[in-house]
Amino acid sequence: MILELYVATCERRRIAVSQLCKLSGGSTTTALRHIEHLEALGYIARQTDPDDGRRLIVGTLTPLLAASEQWLDLQIAESRIQDRRSG
């Protein structure tokens, strides 16, 4: 879910709550619980889609973007270390 939000933000794509729930691979109830938790932590914000007032769009906030980029940087560094060890 977090990676989907990160990629959508980088690609400047909107991602609807319903779409994020489907992408999570779990039940809608569980996905909504995770979305609510991320929102309570200040990582995401839900807002009405300006093109369709019936939809809610999930926006990624700066703390989640920063944490995602830090995590990705660590994964890249670890991959390079593994490559050096095996090469």
PDB file of N, CA and C in Angstrom:
ATOM      1  N   MET A   1       0.826  -1.182   0.000  1.00  0.00           N
ATOM      2  CA  MET A   1       0.000   0.000   0.000  1.00  0.00           C
ATOM      3  C   MET A   1       0.881   1.261   0.000  1.00  0.00           C
ATOM      4  N   ILE A   2       1.876   1.278   0.847  1.00  0.00           N
ATOM      5  CA  ILE A   2       2.762   2.442   0.941  1.00  0.00           C
ATOM      6  C   ILE A   2       3.556   2.609  -0.350  1.00  0.00           C
ATOM      7  N   LEU A   3       4.049   1.506  -0.895  1.00  0.00           N
ATOM      8  CA  LEU A   3       4.803   1.593  -2.139  1.00  0.00           C
ATOM      9  C   LEU A   3       3.910   2.074  -3.283  1.00  0.00           C
ATOM     10  N   GLU A   4       2.680   1.609  -3.335  1.00  0.00           N
ATOM     11  CA  GLU A   4       1.733   2.074  -4.358  1.00  0.00           C
ATOM     12  C   GLU A   4       1.511   3.579  -4.236  1.00  0.00           C
ATOM     13  N   LEU A   5       1.361   4.057  -3.020  1.00  0.00           N
ATOM     14  CA  LEU A   5       1.178   5.493  -2.800  1.00  0.00           C
ATOM     15  C   LEU A   5       2.421   6.267  -3.228  1.00  0.00           C
ATOM     16  N   TYR A   6       3.586   5.743  -2.905  1.00  0.00           N
ATOM     17  CA  TYR A   6       4.842   6.411  -3.260  1.00  0.00           C
ATOM     18  C   TYR A   6       4.975   6.516  -4.780  1.00  0.00           C
ATOM     19  N   VAL A   7       4.747   5.408  -5.473  1.00  0.00           N
ATOM     20  CA  VAL A   7       4.870   5.403  -6.927  1.00  0.00           C
ATOM     21  C   VAL A   7       3.843   6.344  -7.556  1.00  0.00           C
ATOM     22  N   ALA A   8       2.612   6.307  -7.073  1.00  0.00           N
ATOM     23  CA  ALA A   8       1.579   7.199  -7.610  1.00  0.00           C
ATOM     24  C   ALA A   8       1.974   8.660  -7.416  1.00  0.00           C
ATOM     25  N   THR A   9       2.550   8.976  -6.282  1.00  0.00           N
ATOM     26  CA  THR A   9       2.989  10.350  -6.014  1.00  0.00           C
ATOM     27  C   THR A   9       4.110  10.740  -6.967  1.00  0.00           C
ATOM     28  N   CYS A  10       5.088   9.863  -7.133  1.00  0.00           N
ATOM     29  CA  CYS A  10       6.213  10.151  -8.037  1.00  0.00           C
ATOM     30  C   CYS A  10       5.742  10.325  -9.475  1.00  0.00           C
ATOM     31  N   GLU A  11       4.728   9.572  -9.863  1.00  0.00           N
ATOM     32  CA  GLU A  11       4.199   9.649 -11.226  1.00  0.00           C
ATOM     33  C   GLU A  11       3.108  10.713 -11.361  1.00  0.00           C
ATOM     34  N   ARG A  12       2.852  11.409 -10.273  1.00  0.00           N
ATOM     35  CA  ARG A  12       1.820  12.450 -10.241  1.00  0.00           C
ATOM     36  C   ARG A  12       0.446  11.916 -10.665  1.00  0.00           C
ATOM     37  N   ARG A  13       0.157  10.711 -10.173  1.00  0.00           N
ATOM     38  CA  ARG A  13      -1.141  10.080 -10.421  1.00  0.00           C
ATOM     39  C   ARG A  13      -1.993  10.174  -9.173  1.00  0.00           C
ATOM     40  N   ARG A  14      -3.256  10.335  -9.370  1.00  0.00           N
ATOM     41  CA  ARG A  14      -4.192  10.262  -8.250  1.00  0.00           C
ATOM     42  C   ARG A  14      -4.514   8.803  -7.990  1.00  0.00           C
ATOM     43  N   ILE A  15      -4.684   8.491  -6.725  1.00  0.00           N
ATOM     44  CA  ILE A  15      -5.083   7.127  -6.377  1.00  0.00           C
ATOM     45  C   ILE A  15      -6.267   7.224  -5.426  1.00  0.00           C
ATOM     46  N   ALA A  16      -7.344   6.581  -5.827  1.00  0.00           N
ATOM     47  CA  ALA A  16      -8.573   6.615  -5.043  1.00  0.00           C
ATOM     48  C   ALA A  16      -8.498   5.616  -3.896  1.00  0.00           C
ATOM     49  N   VAL A  17      -9.259   5.892  -2.858  1.00  0.00           N
ATOM     50  CA  VAL A  17      -9.315   4.984  -1.701  1.00  0.00           C
ATOM     51  C   VAL A  17      -9.728   3.594  -2.171  1.00  0.00           C
ATOM     52  N   SER A  18     -10.750   3.508  -3.022  1.00  0.00           N
ATOM     53  CA  SER A  18     -11.227   2.203  -3.500  1.00  0.00           C
ATOM     54  C   SER A  18     -10.142   1.459  -4.267  1.00  0.00           C
ATOM     55  N   GLN A  19      -9.379   2.176  -5.082  1.00  0.00           N
ATOM     56  CA  GLN A  19      -8.293   1.572  -5.844  1.00  0.00           C
ATOM     57  C   GLN A  19      -7.193   1.070  -4.912  1.00  0.00           C
ATOM     58  N   LEU A  20      -6.861   1.865  -3.915  1.00  0.00           N
ATOM     59  CA  LEU A  20      -5.831   1.471  -2.953  1.00  0.00           C
ATOM     60  C   LEU A  20      -6.263   0.235  -2.170  1.00  0.00           C
ATOM     61  N   CYS A  21      -7.530   0.166  -1.835  1.00  0.00           N
ATOM     62  CA  CYS A  21      -8.046  -1.015  -1.140  1.00  0.00           C
ATOM     63  C   CYS A  21      -7.871  -2.263  -1.998  1.00  0.00           C
ATOM     64  N   LYS A  22      -8.192  -2.169  -3.289  1.00  0.00           N
ATOM     65  CA  LYS A  22      -8.040  -3.311  -4.196  1.00  0.00           C
ATOM     66  C   LYS A  22      -6.575  -3.707  -4.337  1.00  0.00           C
ATOM     67  N   LEU A  23      -5.694  -2.714  -4.459  1.00  0.00           N
ATOM     68  CA  LEU A  23      -4.274  -2.983  -4.629  1.00  0.00           C
ATOM     69  C   LEU A  23      -3.636  -3.606  -3.395  1.00  0.00           C
ATOM     70  N   SER A  24      -4.255  -3.426  -2.246  1.00  0.00           N
ATOM     71  CA  SER A  24      -3.682  -3.948  -1.003  1.00  0.00           C
ATOM     72  C   SER A  24      -3.671  -5.476  -0.971  1.00  0.00           C
ATOM     73  N   GLY A  25      -4.573  -6.086  -1.722  1.00  0.00           N
ATOM     74  CA  GLY A  25      -4.639  -7.541  -1.750  1.00  0.00           C
ATOM     75  C   GLY A  25      -5.392  -8.152  -0.585  1.00  0.00           C
ATOM     76  N   GLY A  26      -5.829  -7.329   0.342  1.00  0.00           N
ATOM     77  CA  GLY A  26      -6.584  -7.819   1.485  1.00  0.00           C
ATOM     78  C   GLY A  26      -8.039  -7.417   1.391  1.00  0.00           C
ATOM     79  N   SER A  27      -8.727  -7.591   2.471  1.00  0.00           N
ATOM     80  CA  SER A  27     -10.130  -7.206   2.492  1.00  0.00           C
ATOM     81  C   SER A  27     -10.249  -5.682   2.527  1.00  0.00           C
ATOM     82  N   THR A  28     -11.371  -5.178   2.057  1.00  0.00           N
ATOM     83  CA  THR A  28     -11.616  -3.742   2.067  1.00  0.00           C
ATOM     84  C   THR A  28     -11.594  -3.208   3.487  1.00  0.00           C
ATOM     85  N   THR A  29     -12.171  -3.948   4.408  1.00  0.00           N
ATOM     86  CA  THR A  29     -12.216  -3.516   5.804  1.00  0.00           C
ATOM     87  C   THR A  29     -10.810  -3.354   6.372  1.00  0.00           C
ATOM     88  N   THR A  30      -9.957  -4.323   6.120  1.00  0.00           N
ATOM     89  CA  THR A  30      -8.576  -4.257   6.608  1.00  0.00           C
ATOM     90  C   THR A  30      -7.823  -3.109   5.945  1.00  0.00           C
ATOM     91  N   ALA A  31      -8.008  -2.954   4.640  1.00  0.00           N
ATOM     92  CA  ALA A  31      -7.333  -1.873   3.921  1.00  0.00           C
ATOM     93  C   ALA A  31      -7.780  -0.512   4.453  1.00  0.00           C
ATOM     94  N   LEU A  32      -9.065  -0.349   4.690  1.00  0.00           N
ATOM     95  CA  LEU A  32      -9.568   0.918   5.229  1.00  0.00           C
ATOM     96  C   LEU A  32      -9.004   1.190   6.622  1.00  0.00           C
ATOM     97  N   ARG A  33      -8.859   0.160   7.402  1.00  0.00           N
ATOM     98  CA  ARG A  33      -8.259   0.308   8.733  1.00  0.00           C
ATOM     99  C   ARG A  33      -6.823   0.805   8.619  1.00  0.00           C
ATOM    100  N   HIS A  34      -6.066   0.252   7.669  1.00  0.00           N
ATOM    101  CA  HIS A  34      -4.680   0.699   7.447  1.00  0.00           C
ATOM    102  C   HIS A  34      -4.648   2.146   6.957  1.00  0.00           C
ATOM    103  N   ILE A  35      -5.551   2.490   6.065  1.00  0.00           N
ATOM    104  CA  ILE A  35      -5.632   3.860   5.554  1.00  0.00           C
ATOM    105  C   ILE A  35      -5.940   4.821   6.694  1.00  0.00           C
ATOM    106  N   GLU A  36      -6.879   4.473   7.547  1.00  0.00           N
ATOM    107  CA  GLU A  36      -7.218   5.314   8.697  1.00  0.00           C
ATOM    108  C   GLU A  36      -6.023   5.471   9.632  1.00  0.00           C
ATOM    109  N   HIS A  37      -5.284   4.387   9.819  1.00  0.00           N
ATOM    110  CA  HIS A  37      -4.112   4.431  10.700  1.00  0.00           C
ATOM    111  C   HIS A  37      -3.028   5.342  10.110  1.00  0.00           C
ATOM    112  N   LEU A  38      -2.756   5.200   8.816  1.00  0.00           N
ATOM    113  CA  LEU A  38      -1.764   6.054   8.156  1.00  0.00           C
ATOM    114  C   LEU A  38      -2.181   7.523   8.207  1.00  0.00           C
ATOM    115  N   GLU A  39      -3.464   7.761   8.091  1.00  0.00           N
ATOM    116  CA  GLU A  39      -3.963   9.135   8.168  1.00  0.00           C
ATOM    117  C   GLU A  39      -3.804   9.687   9.585  1.00  0.00           C
ATOM    118  N   ALA A  40      -4.103   8.881  10.583  1.00  0.00           N
ATOM    119  CA  ALA A  40      -3.960   9.308  11.980  1.00  0.00           C
ATOM    120  C   ALA A  40      -2.502   9.618  12.322  1.00  0.00           C
ATOM    121  N   LEU A  41      -1.570   8.919  11.683  1.00  0.00           N
ATOM    122  CA  LEU A  41      -0.141   9.155  11.912  1.00  0.00           C
ATOM    123  C   LEU A  41       0.381  10.375  11.161  1.00  0.00           C
ATOM    124  N   GLY A  42      -0.440  10.936  10.286  1.00  0.00           N
ATOM    125  CA  GLY A  42      -0.024  12.105   9.513  1.00  0.00           C
ATOM    126  C   GLY A  42       0.788  11.764   8.279  1.00  0.00           C
ATOM    127  N   TYR A  43       0.622  10.535   7.773  1.00  0.00           N
ATOM    128  CA  TYR A  43       1.349  10.095   6.589  1.00  0.00           C
ATOM    129  C   TYR A  43       0.578  10.316   5.296  1.00  0.00           C
ATOM    130  N   ILE A  44      -0.736  10.293   5.385  1.00  0.00           N
ATOM    131  CA  ILE A  44      -1.570  10.492   4.199  1.00  0.00           C
ATOM    132  C   ILE A  44      -2.735  11.398   4.560  1.00  0.00           C
ATOM    133  N   ALA A  45      -3.388  11.902   3.518  1.00  0.00           N
ATOM    134  CA  ALA A  45      -4.603  12.697   3.702  1.00  0.00           C
ATOM    135  C   ALA A  45      -5.599  12.270   2.642  1.00  0.00           C
ATOM    136  N   ARG A  46      -6.837  12.149   3.051  1.00  0.00           N
ATOM    137  CA  ARG A  46      -7.898  11.840   2.091  1.00  0.00           C
ATOM    138  C   ARG A  46      -8.621  13.133   1.737  1.00  0.00           C
ATOM    139  N   GLN A  47      -8.929  13.274   0.465  1.00  0.00           N
ATOM    140  CA  GLN A  47      -9.657  14.461   0.021  1.00  0.00           C
ATOM    141  C   GLN A  47     -10.591  14.077  -1.120  1.00  0.00           C
ATOM    142  N   THR A  48     -11.584  14.891  -1.331  1.00  0.00           N
ATOM    143  CA  THR A  48     -12.531  14.640  -2.408  1.00  0.00           C
ATOM    144  C   THR A  48     -11.849  14.846  -3.754  1.00  0.00           C
ATOM    145  N   ASP A  49     -12.110  13.946  -4.681  1.00  0.00           N
ATOM    146  CA  ASP A  49     -11.581  14.056  -6.036  1.00  0.00           C
ATOM    147  C   ASP A  49     -12.220  15.271  -6.707  1.00  0.00           C
ATOM    148  N   PRO A  50     -11.409  16.224  -7.172  1.00  0.00           N
ATOM    149  CA  PRO A  50     -11.983  17.419  -7.789  1.00  0.00           C
ATOM    150  C   PRO A  50     -12.749  17.129  -9.081  1.00  0.00           C
ATOM    151  N   ASP A  51     -12.468  15.985  -9.721  1.00  0.00           N
ATOM    152  CA  ASP A  51     -13.153  15.619 -10.954  1.00  0.00           C
ATOM    153  C   ASP A  51     -14.398  14.776 -10.718  1.00  0.00           C
ATOM    154  N   ASP A  52     -14.500  14.172  -9.548  1.00  0.00           N
ATOM    155  CA  ASP A  52     -15.637  13.307  -9.227  1.00  0.00           C
ATOM    156  C   ASP A  52     -15.866  13.367  -7.721  1.00  0.00           C
ATOM    157  N   GLY A  53     -16.806  14.183  -7.312  1.00  0.00           N
ATOM    158  CA  GLY A  53     -17.067  14.412  -5.889  1.00  0.00           C
ATOM    159  C   GLY A  53     -17.487  13.180  -5.107  1.00  0.00           C
ATOM    160  N   ARG A  54     -17.758  12.084  -5.801  1.00  0.00           N
ATOM    161  CA  ARG A  54     -18.141  10.846  -5.100  1.00  0.00           C
ATOM    162  C   ARG A  54     -16.927  10.051  -4.648  1.00  0.00           C
ATOM    163  N   ARG A  55     -15.771  10.348  -5.212  1.00  0.00           N
ATOM    164  CA  ARG A  55     -14.552   9.591  -4.904  1.00  0.00           C
ATOM    165  C   ARG A  55     -13.681  10.334  -3.912  1.00  0.00           C
ATOM    166  N   LEU A  56     -12.963   9.559  -3.107  1.00  0.00           N
ATOM    167  CA  LEU A  56     -11.941  10.110  -2.219  1.00  0.00           C
ATOM    168  C   LEU A  56     -10.585   9.727  -2.764  1.00  0.00           C
ATOM    169  N   ILE A  57      -9.683  10.695  -2.786  1.00  0.00           N
ATOM    170  CA  ILE A  57      -8.324  10.498  -3.254  1.00  0.00           C
ATOM    171  C   ILE A  57      -7.400  10.482  -2.035  1.00  0.00           C
ATOM    172  N   VAL A  58      -6.399   9.611  -2.089  1.00  0.00           N
ATOM    173  CA  VAL A  58      -5.415   9.543  -1.016  1.00  0.00           C
ATOM    174  C   VAL A  58      -4.174  10.312  -1.464  1.00  0.00           C
ATOM    175  N   GLY A  59      -3.770  11.265  -0.666  1.00  0.00           N
ATOM    176  CA  GLY A  59      -2.564  12.028  -0.944  1.00  0.00           C
ATOM    177  C   GLY A  59      -1.481  11.675   0.049  1.00  0.00           C
ATOM    178  N   THR A  60      -0.265  11.492  -0.442  1.00  0.00           N
ATOM    179  CA  THR A  60       0.876  11.175   0.402  1.00  0.00           C
ATOM    180  C   THR A  60       1.468  12.459   0.959  1.00  0.00           C
ATOM    181  N   LEU A  61       1.697  12.502   2.257  1.00  0.00           N
ATOM    182  CA  LEU A  61       2.273  13.679   2.903  1.00  0.00           C
ATOM    183  C   LEU A  61       3.785  13.520   3.052  1.00  0.00           C
ATOM    184  N   THR A  62       4.450  14.615   3.289  1.00  0.00           N
ATOM    185  CA  THR A  62       5.913  14.672   3.337  1.00  0.00           C
ATOM    186  C   THR A  62       6.547  13.612   4.249  1.00  0.00           C
ATOM    187  N   PRO A  63       6.044  13.376   5.465  1.00  0.00           N
ATOM    188  CA  PRO A  63       6.707  12.362   6.312  1.00  0.00           C
ATOM    189  C   PRO A  63       6.747  10.966   5.677  1.00  0.00           C
ATOM    190  N   LEU A  64       5.680  10.585   4.992  1.00  0.00           N
ATOM    191  CA  LEU A  64       5.672   9.267   4.352  1.00  0.00           C
ATOM    192  C   LEU A  64       6.585   9.247   3.140  1.00  0.00           C
ATOM    193  N   LEU A  65       6.618  10.321   2.378  1.00  0.00           N
ATOM    194  CA  LEU A  65       7.529  10.389   1.237  1.00  0.00           C
ATOM    195  C   LEU A  65       8.975  10.270   1.706  1.00  0.00           C
ATOM    196  N   ALA A  66       9.318  11.006   2.740  1.00  0.00           N
ATOM    197  CA  ALA A  66      10.687  10.971   3.272  1.00  0.00           C
ATOM    198  C   ALA A  66      11.035   9.578   3.792  1.00  0.00           C
ATOM    199  N   ALA A  67      10.128   8.956   4.529  1.00  0.00           N
ATOM    200  CA  ALA A  67      10.385   7.618   5.067  1.00  0.00           C
ATOM    201  C   ALA A  67      10.500   6.591   3.940  1.00  0.00           C
ATOM    202  N   SER A  68       9.676   6.720   2.916  1.00  0.00           N
ATOM    203  CA  SER A  68       9.735   5.797   1.777  1.00  0.00           C
ATOM    204  C   SER A  68      11.053   5.930   1.038  1.00  0.00           C
ATOM    205  N   GLU A  69      11.481   7.162   0.815  1.00  0.00           N
ATOM    206  CA  GLU A  69      12.751   7.382   0.119  1.00  0.00           C
ATOM    207  C   GLU A  69      13.935   6.864   0.937  1.00  0.00           C
ATOM    208  N   GLN A  70      13.871   7.050   2.240  1.00  0.00           N
ATOM    209  CA  GLN A  70      14.938   6.541   3.106  1.00  0.00           C
ATOM    210  C   GLN A  70      14.979   5.016   3.043  1.00  0.00           C
ATOM    211  N   TRP A  71      13.821   4.379   3.095  1.00  0.00           N
ATOM    212  CA  TRP A  71      13.748   2.919   3.027  1.00  0.00           C
ATOM    213  C   TRP A  71      14.285   2.426   1.688  1.00  0.00           C
ATOM    214  N   LEU A  72      13.878   3.085   0.597  1.00  0.00           N
ATOM    215  CA  LEU A  72      14.362   2.687  -0.725  1.00  0.00           C
ATOM    216  C   LEU A  72      15.872   2.859  -0.841  1.00  0.00           C
ATOM    217  N   ASP A  73      16.395   3.938  -0.305  1.00  0.00           N
ATOM    218  CA  ASP A  73      17.848   4.146  -0.308  1.00  0.00           C
ATOM    219  C   ASP A  73      18.566   3.015   0.426  1.00  0.00           C
ATOM    220  N   LEU A  74      18.023   2.602   1.556  1.00  0.00           N
ATOM    221  CA  LEU A  74      18.622   1.490   2.312  1.00  0.00           C
ATOM    222  C   LEU A  74      18.567   0.186   1.518  1.00  0.00           C
ATOM    223  N   GLN A  75      17.463  -0.040   0.808  1.00  0.00           N
ATOM    224  CA  GLN A  75      17.334  -1.256   0.003  1.00  0.00           C
ATOM    225  C   GLN A  75      18.346  -1.267  -1.133  1.00  0.00           C
ATOM    226  N   ILE A  76      18.553  -0.119  -1.761  1.00  0.00           N
ATOM    227  CA  ILE A  76      19.529  -0.012  -2.839  1.00  0.00           C
ATOM    228  C   ILE A  76      20.939  -0.254  -2.300  1.00  0.00           C
ATOM    229  N   ALA A  77      21.251   0.352  -1.165  1.00  0.00           N
ATOM    230  CA  ALA A  77      22.572   0.168  -0.559  1.00  0.00           C
ATOM    231  C   ALA A  77      22.803  -1.300  -0.202  1.00  0.00           C
ATOM    232  N   GLU A  78      21.806  -1.940   0.360  1.00  0.00           N
ATOM    233  CA  GLU A  78      21.929  -3.350   0.724  1.00  0.00           C
ATOM    234  C   GLU A  78      22.112  -4.216  -0.522  1.00  0.00           C
ATOM    235  N   SER A  79      21.415  -3.891  -1.579  1.00  0.00           N
ATOM    236  CA  SER A  79      21.542  -4.639  -2.831  1.00  0.00           C
ATOM    237  C   SER A  79      22.952  -4.509  -3.402  1.00  0.00           C
ATOM    238  N   ARG A  80      23.513  -3.328  -3.313  1.00  0.00           N
ATOM    239  CA  ARG A  80      24.881  -3.118  -3.806  1.00  0.00           C
ATOM    240  C   ARG A  80      25.893  -3.904  -2.980  1.00  0.00           C
ATOM    241  N   ILE A  81      25.675  -3.937  -1.684  1.00  0.00           N
ATOM    242  CA  ILE A  81      26.558  -4.722  -0.804  1.00  0.00           C
ATOM    243  C   ILE A  81      26.482  -6.198  -1.177  1.00  0.00           C
ATOM    244  N   GLN A  82      25.277  -6.695  -1.396  1.00  0.00           N
ATOM    245  CA  GLN A  82      25.084  -8.111  -1.775  1.00  0.00           C
ATOM    246  C   GLN A  82      25.742  -8.399  -3.110  1.00  0.00           C
ATOM    247  N   ASP A  83      25.641  -7.451  -4.060  1.00  0.00           N
ATOM    248  CA  ASP A  83      26.258  -7.633  -5.371  1.00  0.00           C
ATOM    249  C   ASP A  83      27.774  -7.738  -5.265  1.00  0.00           C
ATOM    250  N   ARG A  84      28.365  -6.900  -4.404  1.00  0.00           N
ATOM    251  CA  ARG A  84      29.826  -6.915  -4.219  1.00  0.00           C
ATOM    252  C   ARG A  84      30.269  -8.236  -3.598  1.00  0.00           C
ATOM    253  N   ARG A  85      29.474  -8.726  -2.666  1.00  0.00           N
ATOM    254  CA  ARG A  85      29.830  -9.984  -1.997  1.00  0.00           C
ATOM    255  C   ARG A  85      29.746 -11.157  -2.943  1.00  0.00           C
ATOM    256  N   SER A  86      28.787 -11.138  -3.825  1.00  0.00           N
ATOM    257  CA  SER A  86      28.616 -12.280  -4.737  1.00  0.00           C
ATOM    258  C   SER A  86      29.407 -12.132  -6.019  1.00  0.00           C
ATOM    259  N   GLY A  87      29.921 -10.943  -6.273  1.00  0.00           N
ATOM    260  CA  GLY A  87      30.640 -10.709  -7.546  1.00  0.00           C
ATOM    261  C   GLY A  87      32.062 -10.657  -7.383  1.00  0.00           C
TER     262      GLY A  87
END
